[in-house]
Amino acid sequence: MRGQIDLWFEAGGEVIVVDYKTDQVTAVDAASRSAEYELQLRLYALAVERITGTRPSRAIVYFLRPNAPVEVTLDSAALEAAKAKVADLFEAQSRLSFPLREGEHCRRCPHFGRQCP
């Protein structure tokens, strides 16, 4: 697992994490599309907390093309669920068990219908 935080900063006593997206999405569809990135932003928030000792109070998925920021919830339950997903990944890796979970996000992938790289 690896990722790169686009931006995190402190303003007005808050630590904020931002991830920029270039998806082809309208401002109307940005909120529903942001659900696909919630886990990523929560993991980034946990990483920032681990590095700085301060849990971010806000996380934002920022869709550049429609200029639409969408806030992602960082409550304790959401962050615990993100930690559980990481534990699930490590368990799957130890068993070498990765069942296919095709979804709507697959249809937008340029590799849809072929083997994932």
N, C-alpha and C. Protein backbone atom coordinates (compact mmCIF):
# COMPACT_ATOMS: atom_id res chain seq x y z
N MET A 1 0.85 -1.16 0.00
CA MET A 1 0.00 0.00 0.00
C MET A 1 0.90 1.22 0.00
N ARG A 2 0.60 2.15 -0.90
CA ARG A 2 1.36 3.39 -0.92
C ARG A 2 0.47 4.50 -1.45
N GLY A 3 0.79 5.69 -1.11
CA GLY A 3 0.03 6.85 -1.57
C GLY A 3 0.85 8.09 -1.35
N GLN A 4 0.36 9.18 -1.89
CA GLN A 4 1.05 10.45 -1.72
C GLN A 4 0.00 11.51 -1.42
N ILE A 5 0.16 12.17 -0.31
CA ILE A 5 -0.76 13.23 0.08
C ILE A 5 -0.46 14.45 -0.79
N ASP A 6 -1.49 14.96 -1.44
CA ASP A 6 -1.28 16.13 -2.29
C ASP A 6 -0.98 17.38 -1.46
N LEU A 7 -1.75 17.56 -0.38
CA LEU A 7 -1.59 18.78 0.42
C LEU A 7 -2.13 18.54 1.82
N TRP A 8 -1.38 19.00 2.82
CA TRP A 8 -1.94 19.14 4.15
C TRP A 8 -1.37 20.40 4.73
N PHE A 9 -2.19 21.10 5.51
CA PHE A 9 -1.77 22.38 6.06
C PHE A 9 -2.56 22.68 7.31
N GLU A 10 -2.09 23.66 8.05
CA GLU A 10 -2.80 24.13 9.24
C GLU A 10 -3.30 25.53 8.97
N ALA A 11 -4.56 25.76 9.31
CA ALA A 11 -5.16 27.09 9.15
C ALA A 11 -6.21 27.27 10.23
N GLY A 12 -6.14 28.36 10.93
CA GLY A 12 -7.13 28.66 11.95
C GLY A 12 -7.22 27.59 13.03
N GLY A 13 -6.09 26.97 13.34
CA GLY A 13 -6.08 25.94 14.37
C GLY A 13 -6.54 24.58 13.91
N GLU A 14 -6.85 24.44 12.63
CA GLU A 14 -7.27 23.15 12.08
C GLU A 14 -6.17 22.58 11.18
N VAL A 15 -6.04 21.26 11.19
CA VAL A 15 -5.18 20.58 10.22
C VAL A 15 -6.11 20.03 9.15
N ILE A 16 -5.79 20.34 7.89
CA ILE A 16 -6.66 20.00 6.76
C ILE A 16 -5.85 19.20 5.74
N VAL A 17 -6.45 18.11 5.25
CA VAL A 17 -5.84 17.27 4.22
C VAL A 17 -6.65 17.46 2.95
N VAL A 18 -5.96 17.66 1.81
CA VAL A 18 -6.64 17.86 0.53
C VAL A 18 -6.05 16.89 -0.49
N ASP A 19 -6.93 16.26 -1.26
CA ASP A 19 -6.48 15.42 -2.36
C ASP A 19 -7.15 15.93 -3.63
N TYR A 20 -6.34 16.27 -4.62
CA TYR A 20 -6.85 16.80 -5.88
C TYR A 20 -7.18 15.66 -6.84
N LYS A 21 -8.29 15.79 -7.55
CA LYS A 21 -8.72 14.78 -8.52
C LYS A 21 -8.99 15.45 -9.87
N THR A 22 -8.64 14.74 -10.93
CA THR A 22 -8.85 15.25 -12.28
C THR A 22 -9.94 14.48 -13.02
N ASP A 23 -10.78 13.77 -12.27
CA ASP A 23 -11.87 12.99 -12.87
C ASP A 23 -12.74 13.86 -13.78
N GLN A 24 -13.27 13.26 -14.81
CA GLN A 24 -14.27 13.92 -15.65
C GLN A 24 -15.60 13.81 -14.91
N VAL A 25 -15.92 14.82 -14.13
CA VAL A 25 -17.12 14.80 -13.30
C VAL A 25 -17.73 16.19 -13.27
N THR A 26 -19.02 16.26 -13.19
CA THR A 26 -19.69 17.55 -13.07
C THR A 26 -19.75 17.95 -11.60
N ALA A 27 -20.01 19.21 -11.35
CA ALA A 27 -20.15 19.68 -9.98
C ALA A 27 -21.30 18.94 -9.28
N VAL A 28 -22.34 18.61 -10.02
CA VAL A 28 -23.49 17.89 -9.45
C VAL A 28 -23.09 16.48 -9.04
N ASP A 29 -22.24 15.83 -9.83
CA ASP A 29 -21.83 14.44 -9.55
C ASP A 29 -20.64 14.33 -8.61
N ALA A 30 -20.01 15.43 -8.28
CA ALA A 30 -18.79 15.39 -7.47
C ALA A 30 -19.03 14.74 -6.11
N ALA A 31 -20.13 15.05 -5.46
CA ALA A 31 -20.39 14.50 -4.12
C ALA A 31 -20.50 12.98 -4.16
N SER A 32 -21.22 12.45 -5.16
CA SER A 32 -21.35 11.00 -5.22
C SER A 32 -20.03 10.34 -5.62
N ARG A 33 -19.25 10.97 -6.50
CA ARG A 33 -17.97 10.40 -6.91
C ARG A 33 -16.97 10.43 -5.76
N SER A 34 -17.09 11.41 -4.88
CA SER A 34 -16.13 11.51 -3.77
C SER A 34 -16.18 10.29 -2.86
N ALA A 35 -17.29 9.58 -2.84
CA ALA A 35 -17.40 8.38 -2.00
C ALA A 35 -16.31 7.36 -2.35
N GLU A 36 -15.90 7.33 -3.61
CA GLU A 36 -14.85 6.41 -4.05
C GLU A 36 -13.49 6.74 -3.43
N TYR A 37 -13.33 7.95 -2.93
CA TYR A 37 -12.05 8.40 -2.41
C TYR A 37 -12.03 8.58 -0.90
N GLU A 38 -13.15 8.28 -0.24
CA GLU A 38 -13.22 8.50 1.20
C GLU A 38 -12.17 7.70 1.97
N LEU A 39 -12.02 6.42 1.64
CA LEU A 39 -11.04 5.60 2.33
C LEU A 39 -9.63 6.19 2.16
N GLN A 40 -9.30 6.58 0.95
CA GLN A 40 -7.99 7.17 0.69
C GLN A 40 -7.74 8.39 1.58
N LEU A 41 -8.70 9.29 1.66
CA LEU A 41 -8.53 10.50 2.46
C LEU A 41 -8.44 10.17 3.95
N ARG A 42 -9.20 9.17 4.39
CA ARG A 42 -9.13 8.78 5.79
C ARG A 42 -7.78 8.16 6.13
N LEU A 43 -7.25 7.38 5.22
CA LEU A 43 -5.91 6.82 5.45
C LEU A 43 -4.86 7.93 5.47
N TYR A 44 -5.01 8.92 4.61
CA TYR A 44 -4.10 10.06 4.64
C TYR A 44 -4.20 10.79 5.98
N ALA A 45 -5.42 10.96 6.48
CA ALA A 45 -5.61 11.64 7.76
C ALA A 45 -4.93 10.85 8.88
N LEU A 46 -5.05 9.54 8.85
CA LEU A 46 -4.37 8.71 9.86
C LEU A 46 -2.86 8.83 9.73
N ALA A 47 -2.35 8.92 8.51
CA ALA A 47 -0.91 9.08 8.30
C ALA A 47 -0.43 10.42 8.84
N VAL A 48 -1.18 11.48 8.57
CA VAL A 48 -0.80 12.81 9.08
C VAL A 48 -0.80 12.79 10.61
N GLU A 49 -1.81 12.14 11.19
CA GLU A 49 -1.85 12.04 12.65
C GLU A 49 -0.63 11.29 13.19
N ARG A 50 -0.26 10.24 12.51
CA ARG A 50 0.89 9.44 12.95
C ARG A 50 2.18 10.26 12.86
N ILE A 51 2.31 11.04 11.81
CA ILE A 51 3.53 11.84 11.60
C ILE A 51 3.60 13.03 12.55
N THR A 52 2.47 13.73 12.72
CA THR A 52 2.48 14.99 13.46
C THR A 52 1.97 14.89 14.88
N GLY A 53 1.23 13.81 15.18
CA GLY A 53 0.62 13.70 16.50
C GLY A 53 -0.70 14.43 16.61
N THR A 54 -1.14 15.05 15.52
CA THR A 54 -2.40 15.78 15.51
C THR A 54 -3.32 15.20 14.44
N ARG A 55 -4.52 14.83 14.86
CA ARG A 55 -5.49 14.30 13.90
C ARG A 55 -6.08 15.46 13.09
N PRO A 56 -6.06 15.36 11.77
CA PRO A 56 -6.71 16.40 10.96
C PRO A 56 -8.19 16.53 11.32
N SER A 57 -8.67 17.74 11.29
CA SER A 57 -10.09 17.97 11.58
C SER A 57 -10.93 17.96 10.31
N ARG A 58 -10.26 18.13 9.17
CA ARG A 58 -10.99 18.14 7.90
C ARG A 58 -10.19 17.44 6.82
N ALA A 59 -10.92 16.83 5.88
CA ALA A 59 -10.31 16.24 4.68
C ALA A 59 -11.20 16.60 3.50
N ILE A 60 -10.58 16.96 2.40
CA ILE A 60 -11.33 17.44 1.24
C ILE A 60 -10.85 16.74 -0.03
N VAL A 61 -11.80 16.19 -0.78
CA VAL A 61 -11.52 15.72 -2.14
C VAL A 61 -11.84 16.91 -3.03
N TYR A 62 -10.85 17.36 -3.79
CA TYR A 62 -11.04 18.56 -4.61
C TYR A 62 -11.00 18.18 -6.08
N PHE A 63 -12.17 18.21 -6.71
CA PHE A 63 -12.27 17.90 -8.14
C PHE A 63 -11.93 19.16 -8.92
N LEU A 64 -10.82 19.10 -9.66
CA LEU A 64 -10.31 20.29 -10.33
C LEU A 64 -11.17 20.77 -11.48
N ARG A 65 -11.66 19.85 -12.30
CA ARG A 65 -12.38 20.28 -13.51
C ARG A 65 -13.67 21.03 -13.22
N PRO A 66 -14.49 20.59 -12.29
CA PRO A 66 -15.66 21.45 -12.01
C PRO A 66 -15.39 22.44 -10.87
N ASN A 67 -14.12 22.44 -10.35
CA ASN A 67 -13.78 23.33 -9.23
C ASN A 67 -14.71 23.06 -8.05
N ALA A 68 -14.77 21.77 -7.63
CA ALA A 68 -15.73 21.36 -6.61
C ALA A 68 -15.04 20.64 -5.46
N PRO A 69 -14.95 21.30 -4.29
CA PRO A 69 -14.43 20.62 -3.11
C PRO A 69 -15.55 19.84 -2.42
N VAL A 70 -15.22 18.63 -1.96
CA VAL A 70 -16.19 17.81 -1.23
C VAL A 70 -15.53 17.34 0.06
N GLU A 71 -16.15 17.65 1.17
CA GLU A 71 -15.60 17.27 2.47
C GLU A 71 -15.86 15.80 2.77
N VAL A 72 -14.86 15.15 3.36
CA VAL A 72 -14.95 13.75 3.76
C VAL A 72 -14.99 13.70 5.29
N THR A 73 -15.89 12.92 5.83
CA THR A 73 -16.04 12.80 7.28
C THR A 73 -14.83 12.11 7.89
N LEU A 74 -14.34 12.69 8.99
CA LEU A 74 -13.20 12.11 9.70
C LEU A 74 -13.56 11.79 11.16
N ASP A 75 -14.81 11.39 11.39
CA ASP A 75 -15.17 11.06 12.77
C ASP A 75 -14.49 9.76 13.19
N SER A 76 -14.53 9.47 14.47
CA SER A 76 -13.82 8.31 15.00
C SER A 76 -14.28 7.00 14.36
N ALA A 77 -15.57 6.85 14.14
CA ALA A 77 -16.09 5.62 13.54
C ALA A 77 -15.54 5.44 12.13
N ALA A 78 -15.49 6.51 11.35
CA ALA A 78 -14.98 6.43 9.97
C ALA A 78 -13.50 6.08 9.97
N LEU A 79 -12.74 6.64 10.88
CA LEU A 79 -11.30 6.35 10.94
C LEU A 79 -11.04 4.93 11.44
N GLU A 80 -11.86 4.45 12.36
CA GLU A 80 -11.72 3.06 12.82
C GLU A 80 -12.05 2.09 11.68
N ALA A 81 -13.06 2.44 10.87
CA ALA A 81 -13.41 1.60 9.72
C ALA A 81 -12.25 1.57 8.72
N ALA A 82 -11.56 2.70 8.55
CA ALA A 82 -10.41 2.74 7.65
C ALA A 82 -9.29 1.84 8.18
N LYS A 83 -9.06 1.88 9.48
CA LYS A 83 -8.04 1.00 10.07
C LYS A 83 -8.42 -0.47 9.86
N ALA A 84 -9.71 -0.78 9.95
CA ALA A 84 -10.17 -2.16 9.74
C ALA A 84 -9.93 -2.59 8.30
N LYS A 85 -10.09 -1.68 7.35
CA LYS A 85 -9.82 -2.00 5.94
C LYS A 85 -8.35 -2.34 5.73
N VAL A 86 -7.47 -1.64 6.40
CA VAL A 86 -6.04 -1.93 6.30
C VAL A 86 -5.76 -3.31 6.89
N ALA A 87 -6.38 -3.61 8.02
CA ALA A 87 -6.21 -4.94 8.62
C ALA A 87 -6.72 -6.02 7.68
N ASP A 88 -7.85 -5.76 7.00
CA ASP A 88 -8.39 -6.71 6.02
C ASP A 88 -7.40 -6.93 4.88
N LEU A 89 -6.77 -5.86 4.42
CA LEU A 89 -5.79 -5.98 3.34
C LEU A 89 -4.62 -6.86 3.76
N PHE A 90 -4.09 -6.60 4.94
CA PHE A 90 -2.96 -7.41 5.41
C PHE A 90 -3.36 -8.88 5.59
N GLU A 91 -4.58 -9.11 6.04
CA GLU A 91 -5.06 -10.48 6.18
C GLU A 91 -5.18 -11.14 4.80
N ALA A 92 -5.71 -10.42 3.82
CA ALA A 92 -5.82 -10.95 2.45
C ALA A 92 -4.44 -11.24 1.88
N GLN A 93 -3.48 -10.37 2.16
CA GLN A 93 -2.12 -10.60 1.67
C GLN A 93 -1.51 -11.85 2.30
N SER A 94 -1.78 -12.05 3.57
CA SER A 94 -1.21 -13.23 4.22
C SER A 94 -1.82 -14.52 3.69
N ARG A 95 -3.09 -14.45 3.25
CA ARG A 95 -3.77 -15.63 2.68
C ARG A 95 -3.63 -15.69 1.17
N LEU A 96 -3.11 -14.62 0.55
CA LEU A 96 -3.06 -14.48 -0.91
C LEU A 96 -4.45 -14.68 -1.51
N SER A 97 -5.42 -14.01 -0.90
CA SER A 97 -6.82 -14.12 -1.30
C SER A 97 -7.33 -12.74 -1.71
N PHE A 98 -7.55 -12.58 -3.01
CA PHE A 98 -8.01 -11.30 -3.55
C PHE A 98 -9.17 -11.52 -4.51
N PRO A 99 -10.36 -11.78 -3.99
CA PRO A 99 -11.49 -12.02 -4.88
C PRO A 99 -11.85 -10.77 -5.69
N LEU A 100 -12.29 -10.98 -6.91
CA LEU A 100 -12.68 -9.88 -7.79
C LEU A 100 -13.93 -9.21 -7.25
N ARG A 101 -13.93 -7.89 -7.19
CA ARG A 101 -15.09 -7.11 -6.76
C ARG A 101 -15.36 -6.04 -7.81
N GLU A 102 -15.86 -6.49 -8.93
CA GLU A 102 -16.13 -5.57 -10.02
C GLU A 102 -17.26 -4.62 -9.62
N GLY A 103 -17.08 -3.36 -9.94
CA GLY A 103 -18.09 -2.35 -9.61
C GLY A 103 -18.13 -1.27 -10.67
N GLU A 104 -18.93 -0.25 -10.41
CA GLU A 104 -19.09 0.85 -11.36
C GLU A 104 -17.75 1.52 -11.66
N HIS A 105 -16.87 1.60 -10.66
CA HIS A 105 -15.56 2.22 -10.88
C HIS A 105 -14.76 1.46 -11.93
N CYS A 106 -15.01 0.16 -12.08
CA CYS A 106 -14.29 -0.64 -13.08
C CYS A 106 -14.66 -0.20 -14.50
N ARG A 107 -15.89 0.19 -14.70
CA ARG A 107 -16.35 0.57 -16.04
C ARG A 107 -15.68 1.84 -16.55
N ARG A 108 -15.19 2.66 -15.65
CA ARG A 108 -14.48 3.88 -16.05
C ARG A 108 -13.00 3.63 -16.30
N CYS A 109 -12.52 2.47 -15.90
CA CYS A 109 -11.09 2.15 -16.02
C CYS A 109 -10.73 1.85 -17.48
N PRO A 110 -9.60 2.36 -17.96
CA PRO A 110 -9.20 2.08 -19.35
C PRO A 110 -8.86 0.61 -19.58
N HIS A 111 -8.72 -0.16 -18.51
CA HIS A 111 -8.39 -1.59 -18.64
C HIS A 111 -9.62 -2.48 -18.52
N PHE A 112 -10.81 -1.86 -18.43
CA PHE A 112 -12.05 -2.64 -18.26
C PHE A 112 -12.19 -3.65 -19.41
N GLY A 113 -12.50 -4.88 -19.04
CA GLY A 113 -12.66 -5.94 -20.04
C GLY A 113 -11.36 -6.65 -20.35
N ARG A 114 -10.26 -6.16 -19.77
CA ARG A 114 -8.95 -6.80 -19.95
C ARG A 114 -8.37 -7.06 -18.56
N GLN A 115 -7.24 -7.67 -18.52
CA GLN A 115 -6.58 -7.94 -17.25
C GLN A 115 -6.04 -6.64 -16.66
N CYS A 116 -6.24 -6.46 -15.36
CA CYS A 116 -5.70 -5.29 -14.68
C CYS A 116 -4.17 -5.37 -14.72
N PRO A 117 -3.52 -4.24 -14.94
CA PRO A 117 -2.04 -4.26 -14.97
C PRO A 117 -1.48 -4.50 -13.58
